[in-house]
C-alpha atoms as a PDB file:
ATOM      1  CA  UNK A   1     -24.107   7.313   0.732  1.00  0.00           C
ATOM      2  CA  UNK A   2     -23.994   3.517   0.651  1.00  0.00           C
ATOM      3  CA  UNK A   3     -20.765   1.515   0.775  1.00  0.00           C
ATOM      4  CA  UNK A   4     -19.607   0.442  -2.624  1.00  0.00           C
ATOM      5  CA  UNK A   5     -19.917  -3.292  -3.440  1.00  0.00           C
ATOM      6  CA  UNK A   6     -18.587  -5.512  -6.129  1.00  0.00           C
ATOM      7  CA  UNK A   7     -21.130  -6.439  -8.751  1.00  0.00           C
ATOM      8  CA  UNK A   8     -21.038  -9.876 -10.399  1.00  0.00           C
ATOM      9  CA  UNK A   9     -20.985  -9.636 -14.188  1.00  0.00           C
ATOM     10  CA  UNK A  10     -24.306 -11.463 -14.822  1.00  0.00           C
ATOM     11  CA  UNK A  11     -26.318  -8.739 -12.726  1.00  0.00           C
ATOM     12  CA  UNK A  12     -27.523  -5.880 -14.871  1.00  0.00           C
ATOM     13  CA  UNK A  13     -27.730  -2.572 -13.044  1.00  0.00           C
ATOM     14  CA  UNK A  14     -30.952  -0.463 -13.241  1.00  0.00           C
ATOM     15  CA  UNK A  15     -30.511   2.483 -15.612  1.00  0.00           C
ATOM     16  CA  UNK A  16     -32.288   4.948 -13.309  1.00  0.00           C
ATOM     17  CA  UNK A  17     -29.851   4.368 -10.490  1.00  0.00           C
ATOM     18  CA  UNK A  18     -26.079   5.247 -10.200  1.00  0.00           C
ATOM     19  CA  UNK A  19     -23.921   2.403 -11.353  1.00  0.00           C
ATOM     20  CA  UNK A  20     -21.796   0.497  -8.688  1.00  0.00           C
ATOM     21  CA  UNK A  21     -18.765   2.147 -10.089  1.00  0.00           C
ATOM     22  CA  UNK A  22     -20.430   5.517  -9.834  1.00  0.00           C
ATOM     23  CA  UNK A  23     -21.109   4.833  -6.168  1.00  0.00           C
ATOM     24  CA  UNK A  24     -17.732   3.584  -5.430  1.00  0.00           C
ATOM     25  CA  UNK A  25     -15.978   6.632  -7.041  1.00  0.00           C
ATOM     26  CA  UNK A  26     -18.244   8.971  -5.150  1.00  0.00           C
ATOM     27  CA  UNK A  27     -17.454   7.075  -1.845  1.00  0.00           C
ATOM     28  CA  UNK A  28     -13.798   7.125  -2.287  1.00  0.00           C
ATOM     29  CA  UNK A  29     -13.790  10.874  -2.867  1.00  0.00           C
ATOM     30  CA  UNK A  30     -16.233  11.811  -0.202  1.00  0.00           C
ATOM     31  CA  UNK A  31     -14.970   9.410   2.618  1.00  0.00           C
ATOM     32  CA  UNK A  32     -11.267   9.089   1.896  1.00  0.00           C
ATOM     33  CA  UNK A  33     -10.596  12.212  -0.012  1.00  0.00           C
ATOM     34  CA  UNK A  34      -8.928  10.187  -2.782  1.00  0.00           C
ATOM     35  CA  UNK A  35      -8.889  12.028  -6.123  1.00  0.00           C
ATOM     36  CA  UNK A  36     -10.755   9.986  -8.780  1.00  0.00           C
ATOM     37  CA  UNK A  37     -11.194  10.145 -12.496  1.00  0.00           C
ATOM     38  CA  UNK A  38     -12.957   7.847 -15.061  1.00  0.00           C
ATOM     39  CA  UNK A  39     -10.975   5.304 -16.858  1.00  0.00           C
ATOM     40  CA  UNK A  40     -12.023   3.284 -19.928  1.00  0.00           C
ATOM     41  CA  UNK A  41     -13.662  -0.015 -19.202  1.00  0.00           C
ATOM     42  CA  UNK A  42     -14.193  -3.394 -21.004  1.00  0.00           C
ATOM     43  CA  UNK A  43     -17.338  -4.059 -22.986  1.00  0.00           C
ATOM     44  CA  UNK A  44     -17.913  -7.249 -24.959  1.00  0.00           C
ATOM     45  CA  UNK A  45     -14.239  -8.075 -24.308  1.00  0.00           C
ATOM     46  CA  UNK A  46     -12.847  -4.983 -25.912  1.00  0.00           C
ATOM     47  CA  UNK A  47     -11.663  -1.677 -24.461  1.00  0.00           C
ATOM     48  CA  UNK A  48     -14.339   1.081 -24.628  1.00  0.00           C
ATOM     49  CA  UNK A  49     -11.920   3.335 -26.495  1.00  0.00           C
ATOM     50  CA  UNK A  50     -12.728   1.350 -29.619  1.00  0.00           C
ATOM     51  CA  UNK A  51      -9.116   0.565 -30.689  1.00  0.00           C
ATOM     52  CA  UNK A  52      -8.368  -2.806 -31.901  1.00  0.00           C
ATOM     53  CA  UNK A  53      -6.049  -4.701 -29.544  1.00  0.00           C
ATOM     54  CA  UNK A  54      -5.714  -1.765 -27.197  1.00  0.00           C
ATOM     55  CA  UNK A  55      -2.550  -2.202 -25.212  1.00  0.00           C
ATOM     56  CA  UNK A  56      -3.998  -0.649 -22.123  1.00  0.00           C
ATOM     57  CA  UNK A  57      -7.545  -1.982 -22.371  1.00  0.00           C
ATOM     58  CA  UNK A  58      -9.725  -0.925 -19.467  1.00  0.00           C
ATOM     59  CA  UNK A  59      -6.785   1.095 -17.921  1.00  0.00           C
ATOM     60  CA  UNK A  60      -6.396   4.486 -19.674  1.00  0.00           C
ATOM     61  CA  UNK A  61      -8.189   7.714 -18.909  1.00  0.00           C
ATOM     62  CA  UNK A  62     -11.482   8.582 -20.565  1.00  0.00           C
ATOM     63  CA  UNK A  63     -11.189  12.402 -20.037  1.00  0.00           C
ATOM     64  CA  UNK A  64      -9.253  14.823 -22.062  1.00  0.00           C
ATOM     65  CA  UNK A  65      -6.613  15.598 -19.489  1.00  0.00           C
ATOM     66  CA  UNK A  66      -6.540  12.133 -17.872  1.00  0.00           C
ATOM     67  CA  UNK A  67      -4.893  11.924 -14.628  1.00  0.00           C
ATOM     68  CA  UNK A  68      -4.853  15.872 -14.259  1.00  0.00           C
ATOM     69  CA  UNK A  69      -8.665  15.752 -14.048  1.00  0.00           C
ATOM     70  CA  UNK A  70      -8.589  13.667 -10.884  1.00  0.00           C
ATOM     71  CA  UNK A  71     -10.871  15.267  -8.326  1.00  0.00           C
ATOM     72  CA  UNK A  72     -12.856  14.951  -5.235  1.00  0.00           C
ATOM     73  CA  UNK A  73     -15.624  17.167  -6.554  1.00  0.00           C
ATOM     74  CA  UNK A  74     -18.908  15.336  -6.317  1.00  0.00           C
ATOM     75  CA  UNK A  75     -20.654  17.275  -8.981  1.00  0.00           C
ATOM     76  CA  UNK A  76     -17.894  16.494 -11.606  1.00  0.00           C
ATOM     77  CA  UNK A  77     -17.816  12.828 -10.494  1.00  0.00           C
ATOM     78  CA  UNK A  78     -21.577  12.610 -10.911  1.00  0.00           C
ATOM     79  CA  UNK A  79     -21.272  14.220 -14.344  1.00  0.00           C
ATOM     80  CA  UNK A  80     -18.667  11.798 -15.490  1.00  0.00           C
ATOM     81  CA  UNK A  81     -20.293   8.686 -14.332  1.00  0.00           C
ATOM     82  CA  UNK A  82     -23.740   9.815 -15.534  1.00  0.00           C
ATOM     83  CA  UNK A  83     -22.105  10.138 -19.007  1.00  0.00           C
ATOM     84  CA  UNK A  84     -20.007   6.898 -18.839  1.00  0.00           C
ATOM     85  CA  UNK A  85     -21.853   4.570 -16.480  1.00  0.00           C
ATOM     86  CA  UNK A  86     -19.585   1.804 -16.962  1.00  0.00           C
ATOM     87  CA  UNK A  87     -16.270   3.722 -16.648  1.00  0.00           C
ATOM     88  CA  UNK A  88     -13.670   2.126 -14.563  1.00  0.00           C
ATOM     89  CA  UNK A  89     -12.232   4.066 -11.552  1.00  0.00           C
ATOM     90  CA  UNK A  90      -8.811   5.686 -11.575  1.00  0.00           C
ATOM     91  CA  UNK A  91      -7.396   6.868  -8.322  1.00  0.00           C
ATOM     92  CA  UNK A  92      -4.426   9.357  -8.466  1.00  0.00           C
ATOM     93  CA  UNK A  93      -1.601   8.280  -6.280  1.00  0.00           C
ATOM     94  CA  UNK A  94       0.977  10.266  -4.468  1.00  0.00           C
ATOM     95  CA  UNK A  95       0.312  13.465  -2.495  1.00  0.00           C
ATOM     96  CA  UNK A  96      -2.967  14.300  -4.109  1.00  0.00           C
ATOM     97  CA  UNK A  97      -4.617  11.269  -2.452  1.00  0.00           C
ATOM     98  CA  UNK A  98      -2.199  10.725   0.476  1.00  0.00           C
ATOM     99  CA  UNK A  99      -0.578   7.347  -0.507  1.00  0.00           C
ATOM    100  CA  UNK A 100       1.790   5.510  -2.826  1.00  0.00           C
ATOM    101  CA  UNK A 101       1.079   2.068  -4.122  1.00  0.00           C
ATOM    102  CA  UNK A 102       3.383  -1.032  -4.267  1.00  0.00           C
ATOM    103  CA  UNK A 103       2.165  -2.712  -7.582  1.00  0.00           C
ATOM    104  CA  UNK A 104       2.947  -6.421  -7.388  1.00  0.00           C
ATOM    105  CA  UNK A 105       2.736  -8.423 -10.678  1.00  0.00           C
ATOM    106  CA  UNK A 106       4.413 -11.523 -12.163  1.00  0.00           C
ATOM    107  CA  UNK A 107       7.463 -12.272 -10.192  1.00  0.00           C
ATOM    108  CA  UNK A 108       6.680  -9.525  -7.596  1.00  0.00           C
ATOM    109  CA  UNK A 109       5.867 -11.880  -4.762  1.00  0.00           C
ATOM    110  CA  UNK A 110       9.401 -13.290  -4.709  1.00  0.00           C
ATOM    111  CA  UNK A 111      10.744  -9.678  -4.625  1.00  0.00           C
ATOM    112  CA  UNK A 112       8.528  -8.779  -1.868  1.00  0.00           C
ATOM    113  CA  UNK A 113       9.470 -11.928   0.121  1.00  0.00           C
ATOM    114  CA  UNK A 114      13.203 -10.910  -0.241  1.00  0.00           C
ATOM    115  CA  UNK A 115      12.402  -7.432   1.051  1.00  0.00           C
ATOM    116  CA  UNK A 116      10.618  -8.970   4.043  1.00  0.00           C
ATOM    117  CA  UNK A 117      13.647 -11.044   4.823  1.00  0.00           C
ATOM    118  CA  UNK A 118      15.901  -7.960   4.641  1.00  0.00           C
ATOM    119  CA  UNK A 119      13.641  -5.467   6.407  1.00  0.00           C
ATOM    120  CA  UNK A 120      10.682  -7.255   8.031  1.00  0.00           C
ATOM    121  CA  UNK A 121       7.261  -7.490   6.662  1.00  0.00           C
ATOM    122  CA  UNK A 122       5.150  -4.445   5.539  1.00  0.00           C
ATOM    123  CA  UNK A 123       2.576  -3.223   7.885  1.00  0.00           C
ATOM    124  CA  UNK A 124      -1.199  -4.432   7.646  1.00  0.00           C
ATOM    125  CA  UNK A 125      -2.480  -1.778   5.364  1.00  0.00           C
ATOM    126  CA  UNK A 126      -5.223  -1.324   2.622  1.00  0.00           C
ATOM    127  CA  UNK A 127      -4.748  -3.663  -0.245  1.00  0.00           C
ATOM    128  CA  UNK A 128      -6.660  -4.571  -3.399  1.00  0.00           C
ATOM    129  CA  UNK A 129      -6.452  -7.562  -5.721  1.00  0.00           C
ATOM    130  CA  UNK A 130      -6.262  -6.532  -9.453  1.00  0.00           C
ATOM    131  CA  UNK A 131      -8.066  -8.269 -12.286  1.00  0.00           C
ATOM    132  CA  UNK A 132      -4.930 -10.007 -13.401  1.00  0.00           C
ATOM    133  CA  UNK A 133      -4.369 -11.348  -9.949  1.00  0.00           C
ATOM    134  CA  UNK A 134      -1.718  -8.968  -8.776  1.00  0.00           C
ATOM    135  CA  UNK A 135      -1.836  -6.782  -5.745  1.00  0.00           C
ATOM    136  CA  UNK A 136      -1.969  -2.985  -4.924  1.00  0.00           C
ATOM    137  CA  UNK A 137      -0.563  -2.336  -1.497  1.00  0.00           C
ATOM    138  CA  UNK A 138      -1.302   1.273  -0.244  1.00  0.00           C
ATOM    139  CA  UNK A 139       1.011   3.022   2.066  1.00  0.00           C
ATOM    140  CA  UNK A 140       0.837   6.540   3.412  1.00  0.00           C
ATOM    141  CA  UNK A 141       3.382   9.377   4.032  1.00  0.00           C
ATOM    142  CA  UNK A 142       5.037  10.056   7.309  1.00  0.00           C
ATOM    143  CA  UNK A 143       3.936  13.327   9.117  1.00  0.00           C
ATOM    144  CA  UNK A 144       5.893  16.234   8.011  1.00  0.00           C
ATOM    145  CA  UNK A 145       7.322  14.481   4.783  1.00  0.00           C
ATOM    146  CA  UNK A 146       8.132  17.184   2.136  1.00  0.00           C
ATOM    147  CA  UNK A 147      10.040  15.054  -0.524  1.00  0.00           C
ATOM    148  CA  UNK A 148       8.790  13.465  -3.646  1.00  0.00           C
ATOM    149  CA  UNK A 149       8.155   9.961  -4.574  1.00  0.00           C
ATOM    150  CA  UNK A 150       7.723   9.502  -8.254  1.00  0.00           C
ATOM    151  CA  UNK A 151       6.498   6.482 -10.365  1.00  0.00           C
ATOM    152  CA  UNK A 152       9.262   3.675 -10.577  1.00  0.00           C
ATOM    153  CA  UNK A 153       8.644   1.092 -13.279  1.00  0.00           C
ATOM    154  CA  UNK A 154      10.478  -2.164 -12.550  1.00  0.00           C
ATOM    155  CA  UNK A 155      11.655  -0.951  -9.225  1.00  0.00           C
ATOM    156  CA  UNK A 156      12.319  -4.487  -8.502  1.00  0.00           C
ATOM    157  CA  UNK A 157      11.463  -7.564 -10.568  1.00  0.00           C
ATOM    158  CA  UNK A 158       7.688  -7.754 -10.851  1.00  0.00           C
ATOM    159  CA  UNK A 159       7.313  -4.571  -8.554  1.00  0.00           C
ATOM    160  CA  UNK A 160       6.367  -1.072  -9.671  1.00  0.00           C
ATOM    161  CA  UNK A 161       5.838   1.992  -7.553  1.00  0.00           C
ATOM    162  CA  UNK A 162       2.866   4.333  -8.082  1.00  0.00           C
ATOM    163  CA  UNK A 163       3.515   7.695  -6.704  1.00  0.00           C
ATOM    164  CA  UNK A 164       3.184  11.334  -7.760  1.00  0.00           C
ATOM    165  CA  UNK A 165       2.119  11.564 -11.404  1.00  0.00           C
ATOM    166  CA  UNK A 166       0.606   7.964 -11.261  1.00  0.00           C
ATOM    167  CA  UNK A 167      -2.686   6.239 -10.584  1.00  0.00           C
ATOM    168  CA  UNK A 168      -4.115   2.943 -10.085  1.00  0.00           C
ATOM    169  CA  UNK A 169      -7.439   1.250 -11.327  1.00  0.00           C
ATOM    170  CA  UNK A 170      -9.604   0.509  -8.332  1.00  0.00           C
ATOM    171  CA  UNK A 171     -12.463  -1.783  -7.359  1.00  0.00           C
ATOM    172  CA  UNK A 172     -15.022  -2.680  -8.567  1.00  0.00           C
ATOM    173  CA  UNK A 173     -13.312  -1.803 -12.069  1.00  0.00           C
ATOM    174  CA  UNK A 174     -13.496  -4.506 -14.740  1.00  0.00           C
ATOM    175  CA  UNK A 175     -10.285  -5.979 -16.034  1.00  0.00           C
ATOM    176  CA  UNK A 176      -9.604  -7.179 -19.582  1.00  0.00           C
ATOM    177  CA  UNK A 177      -9.543 -10.660 -18.098  1.00  0.00           C
ATOM    178  CA  UNK A 178     -13.159 -10.267 -17.301  1.00  0.00           C
ATOM    179  CA  UNK A 179     -12.456 -10.142 -13.647  1.00  0.00           C
ATOM    180  CA  UNK A 180     -13.176  -7.388 -11.297  1.00  0.00           C
ATOM    181  CA  UNK A 181     -10.676  -5.458  -9.148  1.00  0.00           C
ATOM    182  CA  UNK A 182     -11.528  -6.260  -5.483  1.00  0.00           C
ATOM    183  CA  UNK A 183     -10.542  -5.158  -2.084  1.00  0.00           C
ATOM    184  CA  UNK A 184      -8.647  -7.825  -0.250  1.00  0.00           C
ATOM    185  CA  UNK A 185     -11.094  -9.208   2.351  1.00  0.00           C
ATOM    186  CA  UNK A 186      -8.941  -8.542   5.371  1.00  0.00           C
ATOM    187  CA  UNK A 187      -7.612  -5.235   4.073  1.00  0.00           C
ATOM    188  CA  UNK A 188     -10.571  -3.123   2.863  1.00  0.00           C
ATOM    189  CA  UNK A 189     -10.292   0.618   3.344  1.00  0.00           C
ATOM    190  CA  UNK A 190     -13.576   0.672   5.435  1.00  0.00           C
ATOM    191  CA  UNK A 191     -11.906  -1.741   7.903  1.00  0.00           C
ATOM    192  CA  UNK A 192      -8.201  -1.027   7.796  1.00  0.00           C
ATOM    193  CA  UNK A 193      -6.442   2.182   7.743  1.00  0.00           C
ATOM    194  CA  UNK A 194      -3.687   3.027   5.328  1.00  0.00           C
ATOM    195  CA  UNK A 195      -0.391   2.550   7.341  1.00  0.00           C
ATOM    196  CA  UNK A 196       2.630   4.817   7.094  1.00  0.00           C
ATOM    197  CA  UNK A 197       5.364   3.252   4.770  1.00  0.00           C
ATOM    198  CA  UNK A 198       8.287   1.996   6.815  1.00  0.00           C
ATOM    199  CA  UNK A 199      11.448   4.308   7.028  1.00  0.00           C
ATOM    200  CA  UNK A 200      13.600   1.779   4.979  1.00  0.00           C
ATOM    201  CA  UNK A 201      11.089   2.065   2.112  1.00  0.00           C
ATOM    202  CA  UNK A 202      10.760   5.762   2.307  1.00  0.00           C
ATOM    203  CA  UNK A 203      14.523   6.212   2.221  1.00  0.00           C
ATOM    204  CA  UNK A 204      14.798   4.017  -0.778  1.00  0.00           C
ATOM    205  CA  UNK A 205      12.020   5.795  -2.804  1.00  0.00           C
ATOM    206  CA  UNK A 206      12.268   9.400  -1.805  1.00  0.00           C
ATOM    207  CA  UNK A 207      13.596  12.188  -4.101  1.00  0.00           C
ATOM    208  CA  UNK A 208      14.444  15.499  -2.474  1.00  0.00           C
ATOM    209  CA  UNK A 209      11.977  18.379  -2.881  1.00  0.00           C
ATOM    210  CA  UNK A 210      12.391  19.876  -6.345  1.00  0.00           C
ATOM    211  CA  UNK A 211      12.415  16.422  -8.064  1.00  0.00           C
ATOM    212  CA  UNK A 212      16.205  16.320  -8.113  1.00  0.00           C
ATOM    213  CA  UNK A 213      17.704  12.969  -7.870  1.00  0.00           C
ATOM    214  CA  UNK A 214      20.257  12.897  -5.096  1.00  0.00           C
ATOM    215  CA  UNK A 215      23.715  11.760  -6.096  1.00  0.00           C
ATOM    216  CA  UNK A 216      24.927   8.784  -4.077  1.00  0.00           C
ATOM    217  CA  UNK A 217      28.255   9.229  -2.254  1.00  0.00           C
ATOM    218  CA  UNK A 218      31.359   7.186  -3.148  1.00  0.00           C
ATOM    219  CA  UNK A 219      30.886   5.367   0.167  1.00  0.00           C
ATOM    220  CA  UNK A 220      27.645   3.939  -1.189  1.00  0.00           C
ATOM    221  CA  UNK A 221      29.288   2.300  -4.135  1.00  0.00           C
ATOM    222  CA  UNK A 222      32.323   1.133  -2.214  1.00  0.00           C
ATOM    223  CA  UNK A 223      30.020  -0.566   0.257  1.00  0.00           C
ATOM    224  CA  UNK A 224      28.146  -2.233  -2.444  1.00  0.00           C
ATOM    225  CA  UNK A 225      31.245  -3.352  -4.356  1.00  0.00           C
ATOM    226  CA  UNK A 226      32.781  -4.885  -1.280  1.00  0.00           C
ATOM    227  CA  UNK A 227      29.950  -7.497  -1.477  1.00  0.00           C
ATOM    228  CA  UNK A 228      26.817  -8.024   0.745  1.00  0.00           C
ATOM    229  CA  UNK A 229      25.553 -10.755   3.042  1.00  0.00           C
ATOM    230  CA  UNK A 230      22.086 -12.271   3.093  1.00  0.00           C
ATOM    231  CA  UNK A 231      19.768  -9.663   4.764  1.00  0.00           C
ATOM    232  CA  UNK A 232      21.834  -6.678   3.738  1.00  0.00           C
ATOM    233  CA  UNK A 233      19.765  -5.786   0.646  1.00  0.00           C
ATOM    234  CA  UNK A 234      21.524  -7.695  -2.237  1.00  0.00           C
ATOM    235  CA  UNK A 235      18.629  -7.381  -4.573  1.00  0.00           C
ATOM    236  CA  UNK A 236      18.051  -3.523  -4.117  1.00  0.00           C
ATOM    237  CA  UNK A 237      21.853  -3.155  -4.325  1.00  0.00           C
ATOM    238  CA  UNK A 238      21.894  -5.072  -7.649  1.00  0.00           C
ATOM    239  CA  UNK A 239      19.145  -2.993  -9.092  1.00  0.00           C
ATOM    240  CA  UNK A 240      21.031   0.179  -7.967  1.00  0.00           C
ATOM    241  CA  UNK A 241      24.321  -0.941  -9.464  1.00  0.00           C
ATOM    242  CA  UNK A 242      22.929  -2.067 -12.704  1.00  0.00           C
ATOM    243  CA  UNK A 243      20.919   1.126 -13.058  1.00  0.00           C
ATOM    244  CA  UNK A 244      24.126   3.176 -12.385  1.00  0.00           C
ATOM    245  CA  UNK A 245      25.964   1.369 -15.087  1.00  0.00           C
ATOM    246  CA  UNK A 246      23.346   1.433 -17.698  1.00  0.00           C
ATOM    247  CA  UNK A 247      22.626   5.180 -17.224  1.00  0.00           C
ATOM    248  CA  UNK A 248      26.234   5.734 -18.166  1.00  0.00           C
ATOM    249  CA  UNK A 249      25.723   3.831 -21.434  1.00  0.00           C
ATOM    250  CA  UNK A 250      28.134   1.107 -20.671  1.00  0.00           C
ATOM    251  CA  UNK A 251      28.001  -1.685 -23.031  1.00  0.00           C
ATOM    252  CA  UNK A 252      25.400  -4.199 -21.801  1.00  0.00           C
ATOM    253  CA  UNK A 253      27.768  -7.217 -22.099  1.00  0.00           C
ATOM    254  CA  UNK A 254      30.308  -5.355 -19.875  1.00  0.00           C
ATOM    255  CA  UNK A 255      27.567  -4.558 -17.517  1.00  0.00           C
ATOM    256  CA  UNK A 256      26.732  -8.252 -17.296  1.00  0.00           C
ATOM    257  CA  UNK A 257      30.392  -9.198 -16.577  1.00  0.00           C
ATOM    258  CA  UNK A 258      30.726  -6.564 -14.011  1.00  0.00           C
ATOM    259  CA  UNK A 259      27.578  -7.583 -12.216  1.00  0.00           C
ATOM    260  CA  UNK A 260      28.569 -11.397 -12.303  1.00  0.00           C
ATOM    261  CA  UNK A 261      32.046 -10.456 -10.809  1.00  0.00           C
ATOM    262  CA  UNK A 262      30.252  -8.414  -8.138  1.00  0.00           C
ATOM    263  CA  UNK A 263      27.785 -11.121  -7.345  1.00  0.00           C
ATOM    264  CA  UNK A 264      30.726 -13.512  -6.544  1.00  0.00           C
ATOM    265  CA  UNK A 265      31.630 -11.195  -3.608  1.00  0.00           C
ATOM    266  CA  UNK A 266      28.172 -11.671  -2.195  1.00  0.00           C
ATOM    267  CA  UNK A 267      27.544 -14.276   0.669  1.00  0.00           C
ATOM    268  CA  UNK A 268      25.695 -16.131  -0.898  1.00  0.00           C
ATOM    269  CA  UNK A 269      25.691 -14.888  -4.526  1.00  0.00           C
ATOM    270  CA  UNK A 270      22.171 -14.024  -5.906  1.00  0.00           C
ATOM    271  CA  UNK A 271      22.700 -16.481  -8.808  1.00  0.00           C
ATOM    272  CA  UNK A 272      19.760 -16.588 -11.019  1.00  0.00           C
ATOM    273  CA  UNK A 273      17.937 -13.794  -9.340  1.00  0.00           C
ATOM    274  CA  UNK A 274      20.851 -11.463 -10.507  1.00  0.00           C
ATOM    275  CA  UNK A 275      19.852 -11.974 -14.135  1.00  0.00           C
ATOM    276  CA  UNK A 276      16.134 -11.223 -13.341  1.00  0.00           C
ATOM    277  CA  UNK A 277      17.226  -7.865 -11.734  1.00  0.00           C
ATOM    278  CA  UNK A 278      19.523  -7.040 -14.717  1.00  0.00           C
ATOM    279  CA  UNK A 279      17.000  -7.726 -17.281  1.00  0.00           C
ATOM    280  CA  UNK A 280      14.294  -5.806 -15.432  1.00  0.00           C
ATOM    281  CA  UNK A 281      16.570  -2.771 -15.029  1.00  0.00           C
ATOM    282  CA  UNK A 282      17.737  -3.040 -18.709  1.00  0.00           C
ATOM    283  CA  UNK A 283      14.165  -2.957 -20.017  1.00  0.00           C
ATOM    284  CA  UNK A 284      13.436   0.088 -17.884  1.00  0.00           C
ATOM    285  CA  UNK A 285      16.502   1.779 -19.252  1.00  0.00           C
ATOM    286  CA  UNK A 286      15.493   1.037 -22.934  1.00  0.00           C
ATOM    287  CA  UNK A 287      12.197   2.573 -22.272  1.00  0.00           C
ATOM    288  CA  UNK A 288      13.735   5.642 -20.732  1.00  0.00           C
ATOM    289  CA  UNK A 289      15.963   6.130 -23.722  1.00  0.00           C
ATOM    290  CA  UNK A 290      13.005   5.706 -26.129  1.00  0.00           C
ATOM    291  CA  UNK A 291      11.235   8.453 -24.473  1.00  0.00           C
ATOM    292  CA  UNK A 292      14.265  10.611 -24.962  1.00  0.00           C
ATOM    293  CA  UNK A 293      15.719  10.461 -21.475  1.00  0.00           C
ATOM    294  CA  UNK A 294      19.085  11.870 -21.134  1.00  0.00           C
END
């Protein structure tokens, strides 16, 4: 089977041959054992679902069960992409494909830089460039890991986590912008192996087996409230503290005042970055409540 290639928009693919997306989906499933499924694409500037102003144009599943249909079965993959030649490619994240994804979007690069300052740079691993200009950074699980890493929206400003129950849109899928998703030239999966996520990242994302969120001990909050110095994780601590307060339905204005008082104990204070974190966590909390979260 040939290696998948990105196809420029102006080249029309022969109808009697598998499309480049078909070839890519088959390749991912066969060579890397990544579970794939078809996702709607973009045709004439619109989502192939046919809905006007689709909010997830070119990103939502085409099959009845969506993500739950993800597979490495070549017969099923051939059937799907024979029926929908231009379907974009979804890859299920988490245990089913063996990796999580750090999804970097607007504002995420700054958050990533702060993490690098605190913990060191991420390993050289597989990475793709999204159609919007963001990044998908793929990281694997350590040997013997038995916990759960779920999706985390707005984990940090501009940074989402795609884990169990999530998926990404993969190259050479077509984005609503008219650009294709592409593998980063120096981080293609046929040239670079997916690296294991660093221990500090695993510890900050993991949920114990059984999907139960582990209650943080009092010492965790005492350490945070004492104030942190640069390099001690002020940004993740701000997200943790704000989320803790919002989940207890404390008035947002009081949360803001508490967070500002806490930030004055940091050396140096986060300043404007604090408000970005608070807004990001608050938006996440509103979405959780709208879904009926407890």
